[in-house]
N, C-alpha and C. Protein backbone atom coordinates (compact mmCIF):
# COMPACT_ATOMS: atom_id res chain seq x y z
N UNK A 1 -85.81 64.77 5.61
CA UNK A 1 -84.80 65.00 6.63
C UNK A 1 -84.48 63.72 7.39
N UNK A 2 -85.48 62.95 7.65
CA UNK A 2 -85.29 61.70 8.36
C UNK A 2 -84.45 60.72 7.53
N UNK A 3 -84.63 60.73 6.24
CA UNK A 3 -83.90 59.85 5.35
C UNK A 3 -82.40 60.18 5.37
N UNK A 4 -82.02 61.43 5.42
CA UNK A 4 -80.62 61.85 5.45
C UNK A 4 -79.96 61.40 6.75
N UNK A 5 -80.62 61.57 7.87
CA UNK A 5 -80.05 61.18 9.16
C UNK A 5 -79.84 59.67 9.24
N UNK A 6 -80.73 58.91 8.64
CA UNK A 6 -80.58 57.46 8.66
C UNK A 6 -79.37 57.03 7.82
N UNK A 7 -79.12 57.72 6.71
CA UNK A 7 -77.98 57.34 5.87
C UNK A 7 -76.65 57.75 6.50
N UNK A 8 -76.64 58.76 7.34
CA UNK A 8 -75.41 59.21 7.99
C UNK A 8 -75.06 58.32 9.17
N UNK A 9 -76.00 57.76 9.82
CA UNK A 9 -75.79 56.97 11.02
C UNK A 9 -74.83 55.78 10.80
N UNK A 10 -74.95 54.97 9.75
CA UNK A 10 -74.00 53.88 9.56
C UNK A 10 -72.56 54.36 9.33
N UNK A 11 -72.41 55.50 8.69
CA UNK A 11 -71.07 56.03 8.47
C UNK A 11 -70.43 56.40 9.79
N UNK A 12 -71.18 57.01 10.70
CA UNK A 12 -70.64 57.37 12.01
C UNK A 12 -70.24 56.12 12.78
N UNK A 13 -71.03 55.07 12.71
CA UNK A 13 -70.68 53.83 13.40
C UNK A 13 -69.45 53.19 12.78
N UNK A 14 -69.30 53.27 11.48
CA UNK A 14 -68.16 52.71 10.80
C UNK A 14 -66.87 53.44 11.20
N UNK A 15 -66.92 54.75 11.25
CA UNK A 15 -65.75 55.53 11.61
C UNK A 15 -65.35 55.33 13.07
N UNK A 16 -66.31 55.11 13.93
CA UNK A 16 -65.98 54.95 15.34
C UNK A 16 -65.34 53.60 15.62
N UNK A 17 -65.43 52.66 14.69
CA UNK A 17 -64.84 51.34 14.91
C UNK A 17 -63.35 51.30 14.56
N UNK A 18 -62.81 52.34 13.91
CA UNK A 18 -61.39 52.39 13.58
C UNK A 18 -60.59 52.91 14.74
N UNK A 19 -59.41 52.36 14.91
CA UNK A 19 -58.52 52.81 15.98
C UNK A 19 -57.57 53.85 15.40
N UNK A 20 -57.44 54.95 16.06
CA UNK A 20 -56.53 56.00 15.62
C UNK A 20 -55.23 55.89 16.40
N UNK A 21 -54.11 56.01 15.72
CA UNK A 21 -52.82 55.88 16.35
C UNK A 21 -52.17 57.24 16.52
N UNK A 22 -51.38 57.35 17.54
CA UNK A 22 -50.68 58.59 17.82
C UNK A 22 -49.52 58.76 16.85
N UNK A 23 -49.20 60.00 16.53
CA UNK A 23 -48.08 60.26 15.63
C UNK A 23 -46.79 60.55 16.39
N UNK A 24 -46.83 60.52 17.70
CA UNK A 24 -45.62 60.79 18.47
C UNK A 24 -44.71 59.57 18.45
N UNK A 25 -43.45 59.77 18.72
CA UNK A 25 -42.47 58.71 18.71
C UNK A 25 -42.69 57.82 19.93
N UNK A 26 -42.67 56.54 19.69
CA UNK A 26 -42.88 55.59 20.78
C UNK A 26 -41.63 55.53 21.65
N UNK A 27 -41.83 55.30 22.90
CA UNK A 27 -40.67 55.20 23.80
C UNK A 27 -39.95 53.88 23.62
N UNK A 28 -40.57 52.93 22.90
CA UNK A 28 -39.96 51.64 22.68
C UNK A 28 -39.12 51.59 21.41
N UNK A 29 -39.17 52.64 20.59
CA UNK A 29 -38.37 52.64 19.38
C UNK A 29 -36.90 52.79 19.73
N UNK A 30 -36.09 52.14 18.93
CA UNK A 30 -34.65 52.20 19.17
C UNK A 30 -34.12 53.58 18.83
N UNK A 31 -33.17 54.01 19.61
CA UNK A 31 -32.53 55.28 19.30
C UNK A 31 -31.55 55.05 18.16
N UNK A 32 -31.39 56.05 17.32
CA UNK A 32 -30.50 55.88 16.17
C UNK A 32 -29.05 55.81 16.65
N UNK A 33 -28.29 55.01 15.94
CA UNK A 33 -26.88 54.84 16.28
C UNK A 33 -26.13 56.13 15.95
N UNK A 34 -25.05 56.41 16.64
CA UNK A 34 -24.29 57.62 16.32
C UNK A 34 -23.74 57.55 14.91
N UNK A 35 -23.79 58.68 14.24
CA UNK A 35 -23.31 58.75 12.86
C UNK A 35 -21.80 58.64 12.82
N UNK A 36 -21.26 57.87 11.88
CA UNK A 36 -19.81 57.82 11.75
C UNK A 36 -19.29 59.13 11.18
N UNK A 37 -18.06 59.43 11.45
CA UNK A 37 -17.47 60.65 10.91
C UNK A 37 -16.77 60.34 9.61
N UNK A 38 -16.64 61.34 8.79
CA UNK A 38 -16.00 61.20 7.49
C UNK A 38 -14.50 61.01 7.67
N UNK A 39 -13.89 60.27 6.75
CA UNK A 39 -12.45 60.05 6.84
C UNK A 39 -11.67 61.23 6.25
N UNK A 40 -12.35 62.06 5.47
CA UNK A 40 -11.70 63.23 4.88
C UNK A 40 -12.19 64.49 5.59
N UNK A 41 -11.29 65.33 6.08
CA UNK A 41 -11.72 66.56 6.75
C UNK A 41 -12.33 67.55 5.76
N UNK A 42 -13.12 68.46 6.29
CA UNK A 42 -13.80 69.47 5.49
C UNK A 42 -12.77 70.30 4.72
N UNK A 43 -12.98 70.44 3.40
CA UNK A 43 -12.11 71.26 2.58
C UNK A 43 -10.96 70.53 1.91
N UNK A 44 -10.77 69.26 2.21
CA UNK A 44 -9.67 68.51 1.60
C UNK A 44 -10.03 68.14 0.16
N UNK A 45 -9.05 68.23 -0.74
CA UNK A 45 -9.26 67.85 -2.14
C UNK A 45 -9.20 66.33 -2.23
N UNK A 46 -10.22 65.73 -2.83
CA UNK A 46 -10.31 64.28 -2.95
C UNK A 46 -9.78 63.86 -4.32
N UNK A 47 -8.51 63.49 -4.36
CA UNK A 47 -7.86 63.14 -5.62
C UNK A 47 -8.23 61.72 -6.03
N UNK A 48 -8.39 61.53 -7.32
CA UNK A 48 -8.67 60.21 -7.84
C UNK A 48 -10.16 59.86 -7.90
N UNK A 49 -11.02 60.72 -7.42
CA UNK A 49 -12.46 60.45 -7.45
C UNK A 49 -13.09 61.02 -8.71
N UNK A 50 -12.53 62.09 -9.24
CA UNK A 50 -13.10 62.72 -10.42
C UNK A 50 -12.94 61.79 -11.62
N UNK A 51 -14.03 61.56 -12.34
CA UNK A 51 -13.96 60.70 -13.52
C UNK A 51 -14.28 61.45 -14.81
N UNK A 52 -14.54 62.76 -14.71
CA UNK A 52 -14.78 63.58 -15.89
C UNK A 52 -13.52 64.37 -16.22
N UNK A 53 -13.15 64.39 -17.48
CA UNK A 53 -11.92 65.04 -17.90
C UNK A 53 -11.92 66.54 -17.67
N UNK A 54 -13.05 67.16 -17.90
CA UNK A 54 -13.12 68.62 -17.90
C UNK A 54 -13.31 69.23 -16.52
N UNK A 55 -13.54 68.43 -15.50
CA UNK A 55 -13.81 68.98 -14.17
C UNK A 55 -12.62 68.75 -13.24
N UNK A 56 -12.60 69.55 -12.17
CA UNK A 56 -11.52 69.42 -11.18
C UNK A 56 -11.91 68.39 -10.13
N UNK A 57 -10.95 68.02 -9.32
CA UNK A 57 -11.22 67.07 -8.24
C UNK A 57 -12.20 67.67 -7.23
N UNK A 58 -13.12 66.86 -6.69
CA UNK A 58 -14.09 67.39 -5.73
C UNK A 58 -13.44 67.71 -4.39
N UNK A 59 -14.08 68.59 -3.65
CA UNK A 59 -13.60 69.00 -2.33
C UNK A 59 -14.57 68.44 -1.29
N UNK A 60 -14.02 67.87 -0.22
CA UNK A 60 -14.85 67.27 0.82
C UNK A 60 -15.69 68.34 1.53
N UNK A 61 -16.93 67.99 1.83
CA UNK A 61 -17.84 68.88 2.54
C UNK A 61 -17.83 68.52 4.02
N UNK A 62 -18.49 69.36 4.80
CA UNK A 62 -18.68 69.05 6.21
C UNK A 62 -19.64 67.87 6.33
N UNK A 63 -19.55 67.09 7.38
CA UNK A 63 -20.39 65.91 7.55
C UNK A 63 -21.88 66.26 7.56
N UNK A 64 -22.24 67.43 8.04
CA UNK A 64 -23.65 67.82 8.12
C UNK A 64 -24.25 68.10 6.75
N UNK A 65 -23.41 68.36 5.75
CA UNK A 65 -23.90 68.69 4.41
C UNK A 65 -24.27 67.45 3.60
N UNK A 66 -23.87 66.27 4.03
CA UNK A 66 -24.19 65.03 3.31
C UNK A 66 -25.55 64.51 3.79
N UNK A 67 -26.30 63.82 2.93
CA UNK A 67 -27.61 63.29 3.33
C UNK A 67 -27.48 62.17 4.36
N UNK A 68 -28.53 61.96 5.14
CA UNK A 68 -28.51 60.95 6.21
C UNK A 68 -28.33 59.54 5.66
N UNK A 69 -28.92 59.24 4.51
CA UNK A 69 -28.86 57.88 3.98
C UNK A 69 -27.43 57.49 3.59
N UNK A 70 -26.57 58.45 3.35
CA UNK A 70 -25.20 58.15 2.95
C UNK A 70 -24.45 57.39 4.04
N UNK A 71 -24.75 57.70 5.28
CA UNK A 71 -24.03 57.08 6.39
C UNK A 71 -24.51 55.65 6.66
N UNK A 72 -25.61 55.23 6.05
CA UNK A 72 -26.12 53.88 6.26
C UNK A 72 -25.64 52.90 5.19
N UNK A 73 -24.91 53.37 4.19
CA UNK A 73 -24.49 52.49 3.10
C UNK A 73 -23.50 51.42 3.54
N UNK A 74 -22.70 51.71 4.54
CA UNK A 74 -21.69 50.75 4.98
C UNK A 74 -22.21 49.74 5.98
N UNK A 75 -23.44 49.91 6.46
CA UNK A 75 -24.01 48.95 7.40
C UNK A 75 -24.35 47.66 6.68
N UNK A 76 -24.12 46.51 7.32
CA UNK A 76 -24.43 45.25 6.63
C UNK A 76 -25.94 45.09 6.46
N UNK A 77 -26.33 44.51 5.33
CA UNK A 77 -27.74 44.28 5.07
C UNK A 77 -28.18 43.01 5.79
N UNK A 78 -29.44 43.00 6.22
CA UNK A 78 -29.98 41.81 6.87
C UNK A 78 -30.29 40.76 5.82
N UNK A 79 -29.93 39.54 6.10
CA UNK A 79 -30.25 38.45 5.18
C UNK A 79 -31.73 38.15 5.28
N UNK A 80 -32.39 37.86 4.16
CA UNK A 80 -33.82 37.56 4.22
C UNK A 80 -34.05 36.26 4.99
N UNK A 81 -35.03 36.27 5.88
CA UNK A 81 -35.29 35.09 6.71
C UNK A 81 -36.64 34.45 6.41
N UNK A 82 -37.53 35.16 5.74
CA UNK A 82 -38.84 34.62 5.43
C UNK A 82 -38.70 33.64 4.27
N UNK A 83 -39.02 32.38 4.49
CA UNK A 83 -38.82 31.34 3.49
C UNK A 83 -39.67 31.59 2.24
N UNK A 84 -40.82 32.21 2.41
CA UNK A 84 -41.71 32.43 1.28
C UNK A 84 -41.40 33.70 0.50
N UNK A 85 -40.47 34.51 0.99
CA UNK A 85 -40.18 35.77 0.31
C UNK A 85 -39.37 35.53 -0.96
N UNK A 86 -39.55 36.41 -1.90
CA UNK A 86 -38.84 36.30 -3.17
C UNK A 86 -37.33 36.49 -2.98
N UNK A 87 -36.97 37.42 -2.11
CA UNK A 87 -35.55 37.69 -1.86
C UNK A 87 -34.86 36.45 -1.30
N UNK A 88 -35.52 35.75 -0.40
CA UNK A 88 -34.94 34.53 0.18
C UNK A 88 -34.74 33.47 -0.89
N UNK A 89 -35.75 33.28 -1.74
CA UNK A 89 -35.65 32.27 -2.79
C UNK A 89 -34.54 32.61 -3.79
N UNK A 90 -34.42 33.89 -4.14
CA UNK A 90 -33.37 34.31 -5.07
C UNK A 90 -31.99 34.05 -4.48
N UNK A 91 -31.81 34.39 -3.19
CA UNK A 91 -30.52 34.17 -2.54
C UNK A 91 -30.20 32.69 -2.48
N UNK A 92 -31.18 31.88 -2.17
CA UNK A 92 -30.99 30.44 -2.09
C UNK A 92 -30.58 29.87 -3.46
N UNK A 93 -31.26 30.29 -4.52
CA UNK A 93 -30.93 29.83 -5.87
C UNK A 93 -29.53 30.29 -6.28
N UNK A 94 -29.21 31.54 -5.97
CA UNK A 94 -27.90 32.07 -6.33
C UNK A 94 -26.79 31.31 -5.61
N UNK A 95 -27.00 31.01 -4.34
CA UNK A 95 -25.99 30.26 -3.59
C UNK A 95 -25.81 28.85 -4.12
N UNK A 96 -26.92 28.20 -4.52
CA UNK A 96 -26.80 26.84 -5.04
C UNK A 96 -26.09 26.83 -6.40
N UNK A 97 -26.33 27.83 -7.23
CA UNK A 97 -25.64 27.93 -8.52
C UNK A 97 -24.15 28.14 -8.30
N UNK A 98 -23.78 29.01 -7.35
CA UNK A 98 -22.37 29.23 -7.05
C UNK A 98 -21.70 27.95 -6.56
N UNK A 99 -22.40 27.19 -5.72
CA UNK A 99 -21.84 25.94 -5.19
C UNK A 99 -21.64 24.92 -6.32
N UNK A 100 -22.61 24.80 -7.23
CA UNK A 100 -22.48 23.88 -8.35
C UNK A 100 -21.34 24.28 -9.27
N UNK A 101 -21.21 25.57 -9.55
CA UNK A 101 -20.13 26.05 -10.41
C UNK A 101 -18.77 25.81 -9.77
N UNK A 102 -18.69 25.96 -8.46
CA UNK A 102 -17.44 25.74 -7.75
C UNK A 102 -17.03 24.28 -7.87
N UNK A 103 -18.00 23.38 -7.75
CA UNK A 103 -17.69 21.96 -7.84
C UNK A 103 -17.31 21.56 -9.26
N UNK A 104 -17.83 22.21 -10.29
CA UNK A 104 -17.50 21.90 -11.67
C UNK A 104 -16.05 22.26 -11.99
N UNK A 105 -15.54 23.30 -11.35
CA UNK A 105 -14.17 23.74 -11.61
C UNK A 105 -13.15 22.75 -11.06
N UNK A 106 -13.51 21.98 -10.10
CA UNK A 106 -12.56 21.07 -9.43
C UNK A 106 -12.41 19.80 -10.16
């Protein structure tokens, strides 16, 4: 019995050293921006969007029926700022290739 209690004691000390975080929303988090409204009213036929021959043109839904991520597609993406990140290096290389190609055309 004494052997079991000794083996449990380090585990209890290990667990007590971890910090537990609250799952509630922080008061410092930014509030979400208001969602933009759709340019097509609910029930309007969206002509020219259908690309399948056998189907009819889609009908616009209410704004609440679309997923939340859809409204974030038009927001500009942040440019990578970390010099060591792969995304930053790729953007830098792509920009230099475009600049070299532009100069070759002239």
